[in-house]
Every structure is written in C-alpha cells, then in structure tokens.
Protein backbone atom coordinates (compact mmCIF):
# COMPACT_ATOMS: atom_id res chain seq x y z
CA UNK A 1 35.50 53.90 -108.41
CA UNK A 2 34.21 56.90 -106.46
CA UNK A 3 32.14 59.20 -108.68
CA UNK A 4 30.64 62.57 -107.72
CA UNK A 5 27.75 63.84 -109.83
CA UNK A 6 27.34 67.63 -109.78
CA UNK A 7 24.12 68.86 -111.36
CA UNK A 8 21.53 71.59 -110.98
CA UNK A 9 18.60 69.17 -110.88
CA UNK A 10 17.89 65.51 -110.29
CA UNK A 11 14.93 63.31 -109.49
CA UNK A 12 13.31 62.64 -107.11
CA UNK A 13 14.19 66.06 -105.68
CA UNK A 14 14.00 68.55 -108.56
CA UNK A 15 13.22 68.58 -112.25
CA UNK A 16 12.60 70.82 -115.24
CA UNK A 17 13.76 68.48 -118.01
CA UNK A 18 15.50 65.27 -119.05
CA UNK A 19 18.68 66.16 -117.15
CA UNK A 20 16.89 65.29 -113.91
CA UNK A 21 16.00 61.83 -115.23
CA UNK A 22 19.62 61.13 -116.15
CA UNK A 23 20.94 62.34 -112.79
CA UNK A 24 18.60 59.89 -111.09
CA UNK A 25 19.01 56.85 -113.33
CA UNK A 26 22.71 56.78 -114.27
CA UNK A 27 24.02 56.86 -110.67
CA UNK A 28 21.75 53.94 -109.74
CA UNK A 29 23.06 51.94 -112.67
CA UNK A 30 26.66 52.71 -111.73
CA UNK A 31 26.02 51.56 -108.15
CA UNK A 32 24.61 48.32 -109.56
CA UNK A 33 27.99 47.85 -111.32
CA UNK A 34 29.78 48.15 -107.98
CA UNK A 35 30.81 51.82 -108.01
CA UNK A 36 30.36 54.30 -105.16
CA UNK A 37 28.30 57.30 -106.28
CA UNK A 38 27.35 60.59 -104.61
CA UNK A 39 25.05 63.20 -106.14
CA UNK A 40 25.36 66.88 -105.16
CA UNK A 41 22.40 69.17 -105.89
CA UNK A 42 21.21 72.60 -104.79
CA UNK A 43 18.62 72.56 -102.05
CA UNK A 44 15.60 74.17 -103.64
CA UNK A 45 12.43 75.28 -101.86
CA UNK A 46 10.64 71.94 -102.01
CA UNK A 47 13.69 69.77 -101.38
CA UNK A 48 13.55 67.93 -98.08
CA UNK A 49 16.95 67.41 -96.47
CA UNK A 50 18.42 65.79 -93.39
CA UNK A 51 21.14 66.87 -90.99
CA UNK A 52 24.19 69.02 -91.60
CA UNK A 53 27.24 67.42 -93.20
CA UNK A 54 29.28 70.64 -93.28
CA UNK A 55 27.94 73.68 -91.41
CA UNK A 56 29.42 76.46 -93.52
CA UNK A 57 31.81 76.28 -96.44
CA UNK A 58 33.79 79.45 -97.14
CA UNK A 59 33.10 80.48 -100.72
CA UNK A 60 34.74 83.61 -102.20
CA UNK A 61 32.42 85.51 -104.50
CA UNK A 62 34.14 88.59 -105.82
CA UNK A 63 34.56 91.07 -102.98
CA UNK A 64 32.46 89.04 -100.53
CA UNK A 65 32.39 85.65 -98.84
CA UNK A 66 29.42 83.32 -98.68
CA UNK A 67 28.93 80.40 -96.32
CA UNK A 68 26.60 77.74 -97.78
CA UNK A 69 26.04 74.58 -95.79
CA UNK A 70 26.11 70.99 -97.00
CA UNK A 71 23.09 68.93 -95.94
CA UNK A 72 22.55 65.19 -96.00
CA UNK A 73 19.98 63.96 -98.51
CA UNK A 74 19.90 60.30 -97.58
CA UNK A 75 20.54 57.16 -99.60
CA UNK A 76 18.27 56.02 -102.42
CA UNK A 77 18.93 52.71 -104.15
CA UNK A 78 22.56 52.84 -103.10
CA UNK A 79 23.17 56.45 -104.21
CA UNK A 80 24.06 59.02 -101.54
CA UNK A 81 22.67 62.53 -101.91
CA UNK A 82 23.87 65.85 -100.52
CA UNK A 83 22.57 69.38 -100.99
CA UNK A 84 24.16 72.80 -101.11
CA UNK A 85 22.02 75.06 -98.94
CA UNK A 86 21.95 78.82 -99.39
CA UNK A 87 18.35 80.03 -98.99
CA UNK A 88 19.07 83.43 -100.53
CA UNK A 89 20.10 81.75 -103.76
CA UNK A 90 18.02 78.57 -103.93
CA UNK A 91 14.88 78.95 -101.80
CA UNK A 92 12.81 80.28 -104.71
CA UNK A 93 9.62 79.49 -106.60
CA UNK A 94 11.42 77.89 -109.56
CA UNK A 95 14.86 76.48 -110.33
CA UNK A 96 16.17 78.89 -112.95
CA UNK A 97 13.65 81.70 -113.38
CA UNK A 98 9.99 82.70 -113.47
CA UNK A 99 7.57 83.76 -116.21
CA UNK A 100 9.99 82.69 -118.91
CA UNK A 101 12.79 84.92 -117.61
CA UNK A 102 15.99 83.73 -115.94
CA UNK A 103 16.82 84.95 -112.47
CA UNK A 104 19.22 87.91 -112.89
CA UNK A 105 21.73 86.40 -110.45
CA UNK A 106 21.97 82.95 -112.03
CA UNK A 107 25.68 83.46 -112.65
CA UNK A 108 26.30 84.04 -108.95
CA UNK A 109 23.98 81.22 -107.90
CA UNK A 110 25.68 78.56 -109.97
CA UNK A 111 29.18 79.94 -109.52
CA UNK A 112 28.68 79.43 -105.79
CA UNK A 113 27.28 75.97 -106.44
CA UNK A 114 30.33 75.01 -108.52
CA UNK A 115 32.77 76.32 -105.92
CA UNK A 116 30.83 74.51 -103.21
CA UNK A 117 31.17 71.25 -105.19
CA UNK A 118 34.97 71.49 -105.07
CA UNK A 119 34.94 72.36 -101.38
CA UNK A 120 32.57 69.45 -100.81
CA UNK A 121 35.14 67.15 -102.41
CA UNK A 122 37.86 68.57 -100.18
CA UNK A 123 35.99 68.50 -96.87
CA UNK A 124 33.16 65.95 -97.09
CA UNK A 125 33.75 63.25 -99.72
CA UNK A 126 36.70 62.97 -102.09
CA UNK A 127 35.85 61.21 -105.39
CA UNK A 128 38.09 59.85 -108.12
CA UNK A 129 36.03 61.52 -110.84
CA UNK A 130 33.63 64.45 -110.88
CA UNK A 131 30.89 64.18 -113.49
CA UNK A 132 29.42 67.62 -114.27
CA UNK A 133 26.28 68.35 -116.24
CA UNK A 134 25.40 71.40 -118.36
CA UNK A 135 26.39 75.02 -117.87
CA UNK A 136 25.21 75.29 -114.27
CA UNK A 137 28.13 73.11 -113.12
CA UNK A 138 30.59 74.12 -115.85
CA UNK A 139 32.73 76.25 -113.54
CA UNK A 140 33.86 73.12 -111.67
CA UNK A 141 36.45 72.17 -114.34
CA UNK A 142 37.31 75.84 -114.92
CA UNK A 143 38.11 76.38 -111.25
CA UNK A 144 39.93 73.08 -110.81
CA UNK A 145 42.30 73.84 -113.70
CA UNK A 146 42.89 77.48 -112.73
CA UNK A 147 42.33 78.72 -109.17
CA UNK A 148 42.65 75.24 -107.62
CA UNK A 149 45.43 74.11 -109.93
CA UNK A 150 48.11 74.10 -107.23
CA UNK A 151 45.88 72.63 -104.50
CA UNK A 152 47.39 69.18 -103.84
CA UNK A 153 44.12 67.81 -102.42
CA UNK A 154 42.29 68.10 -105.74
CA UNK A 155 44.99 68.11 -108.42
CA UNK A 156 44.32 64.45 -109.17
CA UNK A 157 40.59 64.93 -109.64
CA UNK A 158 39.40 64.03 -113.14
CA UNK A 159 36.43 65.89 -114.60
CA UNK A 160 34.01 64.63 -117.20
CA UNK A 161 31.50 67.13 -118.54
CA UNK A 162 28.24 66.13 -120.22
CA UNK A 163 26.43 68.40 -122.68
CA UNK A 164 22.74 67.66 -122.41
CA UNK A 165 21.71 70.55 -124.65
CA UNK A 166 24.16 72.70 -126.61
CA UNK A 167 21.54 75.43 -126.91
CA UNK A 168 21.90 76.58 -123.30
CA UNK A 169 25.23 78.29 -122.62
CA UNK A 170 24.90 80.35 -119.47
CA UNK A 171 26.22 83.62 -120.92
CA UNK A 172 26.54 86.79 -118.86
CA UNK A 173 28.02 90.31 -119.10
CA UNK A 174 31.78 90.71 -118.79
CA UNK A 175 31.55 92.30 -115.34
CA UNK A 176 30.20 88.98 -114.07
CA UNK A 177 33.82 87.78 -113.94
CA UNK A 178 34.53 90.16 -111.06
CA UNK A 179 31.24 89.39 -109.30
CA UNK A 180 32.01 85.67 -109.12
CA UNK A 181 35.74 86.01 -108.53
CA UNK A 182 37.15 84.77 -111.83
CA UNK A 183 40.46 86.25 -113.01
CA UNK A 184 40.41 88.48 -116.08
CA UNK A 185 42.86 86.21 -117.90
CA UNK A 186 39.97 83.77 -118.41
CA UNK A 187 38.16 86.36 -120.52
CA UNK A 188 39.83 85.41 -123.79
CA UNK A 189 38.90 83.53 -126.93
CA UNK A 190 40.55 80.25 -125.91
CA UNK A 191 38.89 80.26 -122.48
CA UNK A 192 35.49 81.77 -121.54
CA UNK A 193 35.01 84.82 -123.79
CA UNK A 194 32.13 84.50 -126.24
CA UNK A 195 31.24 87.52 -128.41
CA UNK A 196 32.02 89.96 -125.62
CA UNK A 197 30.30 87.96 -122.89
CA UNK A 198 31.43 85.31 -120.42
CA UNK A 199 30.19 81.83 -121.36
CA UNK A 200 29.99 79.18 -118.62
CA UNK A 201 29.38 76.30 -121.02
CA UNK A 202 32.41 77.21 -123.09
CA UNK A 203 34.54 77.12 -119.94
CA UNK A 204 33.36 73.60 -119.22
CA UNK A 205 34.12 72.50 -122.78
CA UNK A 206 37.62 73.97 -122.73
CA UNK A 207 38.79 72.90 -119.27
CA UNK A 208 37.24 69.44 -118.72
CA UNK A 209 39.36 66.32 -119.15
CA UNK A 210 36.75 64.69 -121.34
CA UNK A 211 33.40 65.61 -122.87
CA UNK A 212 30.35 63.51 -123.48
CA UNK A 213 26.96 64.16 -124.94
CA UNK A 214 23.82 62.13 -124.93
CA UNK A 215 23.77 60.42 -128.32
CA UNK A 216 26.30 59.54 -131.00
CA UNK A 217 24.47 61.53 -133.67
CA UNK A 218 24.37 64.63 -131.47
CA UNK A 219 28.13 64.35 -130.83
CA UNK A 220 28.57 64.69 -134.58
CA UNK A 221 25.96 67.42 -135.00
CA UNK A 222 27.39 69.80 -132.39
CA UNK A 223 30.60 70.00 -134.40
CA UNK A 224 28.67 71.72 -137.21
CA UNK A 225 27.58 75.37 -137.48
CA UNK A 226 23.93 74.30 -137.73
CA UNK A 227 23.87 72.64 -134.31
CA UNK A 228 26.95 74.01 -132.52
CA UNK A 229 25.29 77.27 -131.41
CA UNK A 230 28.50 79.19 -132.01
CA UNK A 231 30.68 76.65 -130.18
CA UNK A 232 31.16 74.20 -133.05
CA UNK A 233 34.78 75.35 -133.45
CA UNK A 234 35.48 74.50 -129.80
CA UNK A 235 33.88 71.10 -130.29
CA UNK A 236 35.94 70.36 -133.39
CA UNK A 237 39.12 71.28 -131.52
CA UNK A 238 38.13 68.92 -128.71
CA UNK A 239 36.78 66.17 -130.96
CA UNK A 240 39.42 63.68 -129.77
CA UNK A 241 38.07 64.11 -126.24
CA UNK A 242 34.38 63.86 -127.11
CA UNK A 243 32.06 60.88 -127.29
CA UNK A 244 28.33 60.32 -127.51
CA UNK A 245 26.79 57.90 -125.02
CA UNK A 246 23.07 57.39 -125.48
CA UNK A 247 20.90 58.08 -122.47
CA UNK A 248 19.08 55.06 -121.17
CA UNK A 249 15.66 54.91 -119.58
CA UNK A 250 14.50 53.55 -116.27
CA UNK A 251 12.19 50.66 -117.09
CA UNK A 252 11.35 50.29 -113.42
CA UNK A 253 9.35 53.51 -113.87
CA UNK A 254 8.49 53.36 -117.58
CA UNK A 255 7.02 49.96 -118.38
CA UNK A 256 3.33 49.24 -119.10
CA UNK A 257 3.61 45.85 -117.43
CA UNK A 258 4.17 47.42 -114.00
CA UNK A 259 3.21 51.10 -114.33
CA UNK A 260 0.99 52.11 -111.39
CA UNK A 261 0.08 55.47 -112.95
CA UNK A 262 -1.88 54.09 -115.91
CA UNK A 263 -5.45 52.81 -116.08
CA UNK A 264 -4.55 49.23 -117.01
CA UNK A 265 -1.35 47.27 -117.35
CA UNK A 266 -0.50 45.51 -120.60
CA UNK A 267 2.36 43.80 -122.41
CA UNK A 268 3.62 42.93 -125.87
CA UNK A 269 1.78 39.59 -125.62
CA UNK A 270 -1.47 41.05 -124.34
CA UNK A 271 -2.16 44.58 -125.57
CA UNK A 272 -5.80 44.70 -124.45
CA UNK A 273 -5.04 47.06 -121.57
CA UNK A 274 -3.86 49.75 -124.01
CA UNK A 275 -7.46 50.35 -125.13
CA UNK A 276 -8.47 50.91 -121.51
CA UNK A 277 -5.60 53.39 -121.20
CA UNK A 278 -6.78 55.20 -124.35
CA UNK A 279 -10.30 55.55 -122.98
CA UNK A 280 -8.92 56.87 -119.69
CA UNK A 281 -6.68 59.35 -121.51
CA UNK A 282 -9.65 60.75 -123.42
CA UNK A 283 -11.45 61.23 -120.11
CA UNK A 284 -8.48 62.99 -118.54
CA UNK A 285 -8.37 65.44 -121.46
CA UNK A 286 -12.18 65.79 -121.74
CA UNK A 287 -12.34 64.54 -125.31
CA UNK A 288 -15.45 62.74 -126.62
CA UNK A 289 -15.50 59.01 -125.78
CA UNK A 290 -16.32 58.13 -129.42
CA UNK A 291 -12.86 59.44 -130.28
CA UNK A 292 -11.55 56.09 -129.08
CA UNK A 293 -11.90 54.71 -132.61
CA UNK A 294 -9.80 57.50 -134.11
CA UNK A 295 -6.00 57.76 -134.14
CA UNK A 296 -4.83 59.61 -131.04
CA UNK A 297 -1.55 61.57 -131.15
CA UNK A 298 0.22 62.40 -127.89
CA UNK A 299 2.71 65.21 -127.21
CA UNK A 300 4.66 65.74 -123.97
CA UNK A 301 7.11 68.56 -124.43
CA UNK A 302 8.53 71.93 -123.62
CA UNK A 303 6.81 74.36 -125.97
CA UNK A 304 9.70 75.88 -127.90
CA UNK A 305 11.11 76.25 -131.40
CA UNK A 306 13.71 73.61 -130.56
CA UNK A 307 10.94 71.08 -130.07
CA UNK A 308 9.42 71.79 -133.47
CA UNK A 309 6.44 73.86 -132.39
CA UNK A 310 7.03 76.32 -135.22
CA UNK A 311 6.45 73.40 -137.60
CA UNK A 312 3.36 72.30 -135.69
CA UNK A 313 2.03 75.86 -135.97
CA UNK A 314 2.47 75.76 -139.76
CA UNK A 315 0.60 72.48 -140.27
CA UNK A 316 -1.99 72.74 -137.47
CA UNK A 317 -4.98 73.65 -139.70
CA UNK A 318 -4.24 70.84 -142.16
CA UNK A 319 -3.46 68.39 -139.38
CA UNK A 320 -6.66 69.15 -137.50
CA UNK A 321 -8.65 68.71 -140.72
CA UNK A 322 -7.76 65.01 -140.41
CA UNK A 323 -10.06 62.60 -138.58
CA UNK A 324 -7.98 62.30 -135.41
CA UNK A 325 -7.44 63.59 -131.88
CA UNK A 326 -4.41 65.19 -130.22
CA UNK A 327 -3.54 65.53 -126.53
CA UNK A 328 -0.74 67.87 -125.45
CA UNK A 329 1.01 68.22 -122.09
CA UNK A 330 3.73 70.74 -121.30
CA UNK A 331 4.58 74.40 -120.95
CA UNK A 332 6.98 76.89 -122.45
CA UNK A 333 6.97 79.91 -124.71
CA UNK A 334 3.88 82.09 -124.27
CA UNK A 335 3.17 82.21 -128.01
CA UNK A 336 2.90 78.44 -128.21
CA UNK A 337 0.87 78.14 -125.03
CA UNK A 338 -1.58 80.63 -126.56
CA UNK A 339 -1.56 78.84 -129.92
CA UNK A 340 -2.44 75.51 -128.33
CA UNK A 341 -5.06 77.09 -126.07
CA UNK A 342 -6.68 78.76 -129.09
CA UNK A 343 -6.60 75.55 -131.13
CA UNK A 344 -8.24 73.71 -128.25
CA UNK A 345 -11.07 76.26 -128.23
CA UNK A 346 -11.45 76.09 -132.01
CA UNK A 347 -11.30 72.28 -132.20
CA UNK A 348 -12.65 71.16 -128.79
CA UNK A 349 -13.46 67.65 -130.01
CA UNK A 350 -10.06 67.11 -131.59
CA UNK A 351 -7.39 68.82 -129.50
CA UNK A 352 -6.96 69.23 -125.77
CA UNK A 353 -3.98 70.77 -123.98
CA UNK A 354 -2.85 70.88 -120.36
CA UNK A 355 -0.32 73.63 -119.63
CA UNK A 356 1.63 71.86 -116.91
CA UNK A 357 4.41 69.46 -116.07
CA UNK A 358 2.65 66.42 -114.66
CA UNK A 359 4.43 63.07 -114.41
CA UNK A 360 1.26 61.02 -113.89
CA UNK A 361 -0.44 62.48 -116.96
CA UNK A 362 2.78 61.98 -118.97
CA UNK A 363 2.55 58.26 -118.17
CA UNK A 364 -1.11 58.21 -119.23
CA UNK A 365 -0.22 59.81 -122.57
CA UNK A 366 2.54 57.29 -123.24
CA UNK A 367 0.15 54.43 -122.48
CA UNK A 368 -3.04 55.76 -124.07
CA UNK A 369 -1.91 57.46 -127.27
CA UNK A 370 -1.53 55.60 -130.55
CA UNK A 371 1.33 57.80 -131.77
CA UNK A 372 3.83 60.11 -130.11
CA UNK A 373 4.95 63.22 -131.97
CA UNK A 374 8.48 64.72 -131.64
CA UNK A 375 9.28 66.95 -134.65
CA UNK A 376 12.32 68.56 -133.02
CA UNK A 377 14.62 71.02 -134.77
CA UNK A 378 17.35 69.33 -132.74
CA UNK A 379 17.16 66.73 -129.98
CA UNK A 380 20.34 65.76 -128.12
CA UNK A 381 18.85 62.47 -126.98
CA UNK A 382 15.18 62.58 -126.11
CA UNK A 383 13.55 60.18 -123.69
CA UNK A 384 9.88 60.27 -124.57
CA UNK A 385 10.38 58.53 -127.90
CA UNK A 386 12.11 55.70 -126.02
CA UNK A 387 9.32 55.53 -123.45
CA UNK A 388 6.85 55.43 -126.35
CA UNK A 389 8.51 52.36 -127.83
CA UNK A 390 8.03 50.40 -124.61
CA UNK A 391 4.35 51.43 -124.42
CA UNK A 392 3.56 50.44 -128.01
CA UNK A 393 2.95 54.08 -128.89
CA UNK A 394 4.47 54.58 -132.32
CA UNK A 395 6.91 57.53 -132.54
CA UNK A 396 6.71 60.08 -135.35
CA UNK A 397 10.00 61.99 -135.20
CA UNK A 398 12.44 64.13 -137.11
CA UNK A 399 15.73 62.38 -137.94
CA UNK A 400 18.02 64.39 -135.68
CA UNK A 401 20.25 63.63 -132.69
CA UNK A 402 19.00 60.90 -130.39
CA UNK A 403 15.72 60.64 -132.28
CA UNK A 404 17.65 59.40 -135.30
CA UNK A 405 19.76 57.06 -133.15
CA UNK A 406 16.80 55.43 -131.40
CA UNK A 407 13.98 55.28 -133.96
CA UNK A 408 14.25 53.14 -137.07
CA UNK A 409 11.90 54.08 -139.90
CA UNK A 410 9.49 51.24 -140.61
CA UNK A 411 10.14 49.38 -143.87
CA UNK A 412 7.06 47.49 -145.14
CA UNK A 413 9.25 45.33 -147.38
CA UNK A 414 11.18 43.84 -144.46
CA UNK A 415 8.78 44.37 -141.57
CA UNK A 416 11.60 46.03 -139.67
CA UNK A 417 11.44 49.41 -137.98
CA UNK A 418 9.86 51.07 -134.99
CA UNK A 419 8.35 54.36 -136.17
CA UNK A 420 8.12 57.09 -138.78
CA UNK A 421 10.83 59.68 -139.54
CA UNK A 422 11.31 62.75 -141.71
CA UNK A 423 14.52 64.68 -142.38
CA UNK A 424 13.80 68.11 -143.88
CA UNK A 425 12.81 70.67 -141.26
CA UNK A 426 9.73 71.68 -143.19
CA UNK A 427 6.01 71.65 -142.46
CA UNK A 428 5.26 69.66 -145.60
CA UNK A 429 7.66 66.89 -144.50
CA UNK A 430 6.12 66.76 -141.03
CA UNK A 431 2.56 66.66 -142.34
CA UNK A 432 3.38 64.04 -144.95
CA UNK A 433 4.96 61.74 -142.38
CA UNK A 434 2.04 62.08 -139.96
CA UNK A 435 -0.36 61.27 -142.80
CA UNK A 436 1.72 58.20 -143.66
CA UNK A 437 1.39 57.02 -140.06
CA UNK A 438 -2.35 57.79 -139.97
CA UNK A 439 -2.91 55.78 -143.15
CA UNK A 440 -1.04 52.80 -141.73
CA UNK A 441 -3.03 52.98 -138.49
CA UNK A 442 -6.39 53.14 -140.28
CA UNK A 443 -5.83 50.73 -143.14
CA UNK A 444 -3.41 48.05 -141.95
CA UNK A 445 -3.91 47.07 -138.30
CA UNK A 446 -1.76 43.95 -138.67
CA UNK A 447 1.24 45.96 -139.83
CA UNK A 448 0.54 48.59 -137.17
CA UNK A 449 0.69 45.89 -134.51
CA UNK A 450 4.01 44.75 -136.00
CA UNK A 451 5.45 48.26 -135.62
CA UNK A 452 4.22 48.38 -132.02
CA UNK A 453 5.76 45.04 -131.08
CA UNK A 454 9.02 45.90 -132.84
CA UNK A 455 9.30 48.93 -130.58
CA UNK A 456 8.23 47.15 -127.41
CA UNK A 457 10.97 44.57 -127.95
CA UNK A 458 13.72 47.22 -127.92
CA UNK A 459 15.93 47.57 -124.85
CA UNK A 460 17.30 51.02 -124.06
CA UNK A 461 17.95 50.36 -120.38
CA UNK A 462 20.78 52.17 -118.61
CA UNK A 463 23.00 49.13 -118.10
CA UNK A 464 24.88 49.34 -121.41
CA UNK A 465 25.32 53.10 -121.13
CA UNK A 466 26.50 52.83 -117.53
CA UNK A 467 29.18 50.35 -118.58
CA UNK A 468 30.39 52.82 -121.23
CA UNK A 469 30.54 55.62 -118.66
CA UNK A 470 32.38 53.42 -116.16
CA UNK A 471 35.04 52.56 -118.74
CA UNK A 472 35.44 56.22 -119.60
CA UNK A 473 35.72 57.25 -115.93
CA UNK A 474 38.57 54.78 -115.43
CA UNK A 475 40.50 55.92 -118.50
CA UNK A 476 40.12 59.61 -117.66
CA UNK A 477 40.97 59.07 -113.98
CA UNK A 478 44.18 57.17 -114.82
CA UNK A 479 45.17 59.84 -117.33
CA UNK A 480 44.61 62.62 -114.80
CA UNK A 481 46.62 60.78 -112.13
CA UNK A 482 49.55 60.43 -114.55
CA UNK A 483 49.35 64.15 -115.41
CA UNK A 484 49.27 65.13 -111.74
CA UNK A 485 52.25 62.91 -111.01
CA UNK A 486 54.21 64.39 -113.91
CA UNK A 487 53.41 67.93 -112.80
CA UNK A 488 54.43 67.30 -109.20
CA UNK A 489 57.74 65.81 -110.33
C-alpha cells in the first residue's frame, strides 16, 4: 500500500517528544514489510532540504492566500521525505513556542500545514491512506470530509488518526475559524466546538475514518473522565473505531550491544560493561566517583505534572535522605526546573540535573543507571521504560497507560517480572515502591540480576506493531473505497 504520514515532527529532522521517534521508526518498519511510505513534515529552521518538488501550492487562509512550497527531503532507509516550506511560519527558534508559551499563530501555522498535506496528495504523491498524528495534523480529516468532500481526486483517501497524547488539544478562540477558512457550521458540539473554543484534536477524532492510540490501556483510559481531558464522550461514541497499538522501539538505536553513544557495550550474557557506563555517567553529571557503589536512579523526561513531578516534589526530601544518587535530564515547567536546580545545590553529592534535551546523555543514563523512574500521572505509551528494559536498567513506574502494558511487576515467588509498579497517584505509594526497589538492589543482587535479565529478554521492536498498522490500513482503505463508490453512484 501507499501510506502518507503527516506529522509536525519526526526524526532525524525535528523532535520535541516521543512523536518524533514514532514518525521515524514506524515508516521504516512498514517499508520493511513491502509498503511504500512518504513522510511529510514542516521545514523548520534547522531542517536541511533538497530541491523543489512543488514550487508554490495555493492555500486559502481566510481572506488571504498563501503559497508554501514542497521540498524534497531525500530517502532514508526506504522512506521518502518531503517538507512544507513557509519561512514566515516555520523558520523559527522552536517548533511550537518559546519560553513555555505557544506561538500565537499556531492555529494558522498548522492549518496551512494540513491544507498543504492534502494538496501534496493531489499534486505530488497520491497515497491510499493518510496517517495523521496529534492535533497539528488534525485538520486533514476535517478538510477531507468537508471542504474537499466533492473533490473526486481525494474522495477515496482513507484517514487514520493517532492520538499520542490526549492532553494536547490545539484549542483556539472562535474567530480562528474565519482566520483559517473553516465554515461556521463546523463550530458545533458534534464537530469542532469545545466549551466555546475551536478544538483541532476534536475535529480529528470526529472526522477520521479510524482512530488509534499508542497502547491498549490508554485506549481504554481516554474513554474515562479521568483521562479523556473533556473528550471522553467523543471517544466513547467512536469506541468501535478506536484501537490501541503499542509503540515499538528502534533497537538499531537503543541496544547496549551496539550503542556507540555509551562508554562500554554490554549484553545480557556479559553485563560487565554496565559498571563502566555507570562510572562514566557519574562523571558526566559531576557526582562523586564513590557513588558507584550506591543505587543510581535515572530520569529522562519533560518536567511537567503529567510526568509525575508533583509527586517527586512531595517525596524529594525523604527520597534524598536515602543512600542513593539521582541523575535527571530534561526541561519543562519553570517551577520544576527551579525545584531540581535547588535540590542539586542542596544535595550536590546525591542529585545532579541537566536542563536540556540531549540524545547522547539520554543513552548514557539508560546504560549507566541502575533504575529508571517514571511516576507519570498518565502515560499514553512511553518509550524510556522500554529502552530501560533493554539496557538492564530496572523501571520504577506508575501503573498507567503504556507503562502498565509494558512493565510487569516483579514477583519474588515466581521470579517473573521486569520492574516495580505502584497504582495510587500518591507520594506515599511512589516512595514506598522506590524503597522496595532500593532494598532489592542492596540486599539481593542475585534477584536483582534476574529482574534485569527478564527485562533485557523482552522484545518490543516495531515489527509486530507495524503488522497491526498495515492490517488496519488495508481494512480502512477498502472501507473508504466502498463508501466513495456508493456515494458516486
């Protein structure tokens, strides 16, 4: 089949979160299954592009016209890349905003991007299925089923929409409808209206042929008020057209046996290199070398309530009273950046933080830490806990979403399990579970090694997930073709 991915970010060109990893890895896996895949991304400031594929698409935006170009992005591992170029919209310091604030014209930016994706399909490369990701591309299904509904060139296009994080809607004032050229009849409860605002994500949920999200547990959770972020009713109404397909990981990049970014390679059979990695990690974070004998907890995360940093704040004094060390990499809300900075100053021999997104250091943390902490309030899938398994770094997680799907609580009676889990979103539950893991690490090295090897033996590669997606594409494509044929007759 011919599949067009439309997303606001994707490695190796752009990234702020796990979406970029998926948009790199899933297309490669689909190509390996024999499918033809194209990825369309915005051309951001640091994105290198090739020649012009389409010199100027005509994109209506309210009372004006815009003329973005389509540029070639080359072929990587069988996947062809193209970019939407409009320097006024995309040649900026960051992808979505600066200093924790979204760009004020994000609605216009990604409305143009969505319209350009449909025009790309019409004029450059016509797919069988368009696979859209998160709110930034959610107008693609909205436009196809409304303003492009009678366009014979695209009426047979099937659209699958993936929710990577239900917490990000893309909501804007009502007058945005006019700015981006959407008809007023879409501003209603069964379309895009959401508490007096226009909601891009809701449009994608309502108008797509089929919906997916990134773990089976999260597909269930987003149908509840607790995790649906106000859209749980929409999800329940569309439950027959929703499935959870677990994200895979790219073991070509995340595998201690071949990782070029870590201090020493190691494997399940020979773990000696992990100690070298731990020593190197302590050096990178300027922690005392004698800390090597203590349990070392790693965190790589966006600093936000969603990721459980409010819980970490509650237990930090008690946690840092333990005989351990903690290394933290990431960025996010100013209050948590300050909290971690202050804790690092107060406990310089126990906690060290780097406020940054740094792929090389992320690899070093996965390889060098003894445990990996993810106490998320909600976690659609999560990738770092899966990376941790492969690196023999034992996950300590909250039982939610993909964390619950991928980590099995260790059972000493059976010797089965890959990590430690807690359910209640409470500081006492988090602290108790960390202490359970610390006790196991200190007092029972044989069992600890068993937990490590259990995790390292797991396989969460993309192949199985790609097969599920391919089957879904075919079903949805055939259904859309039948609908188009019925409509035309």
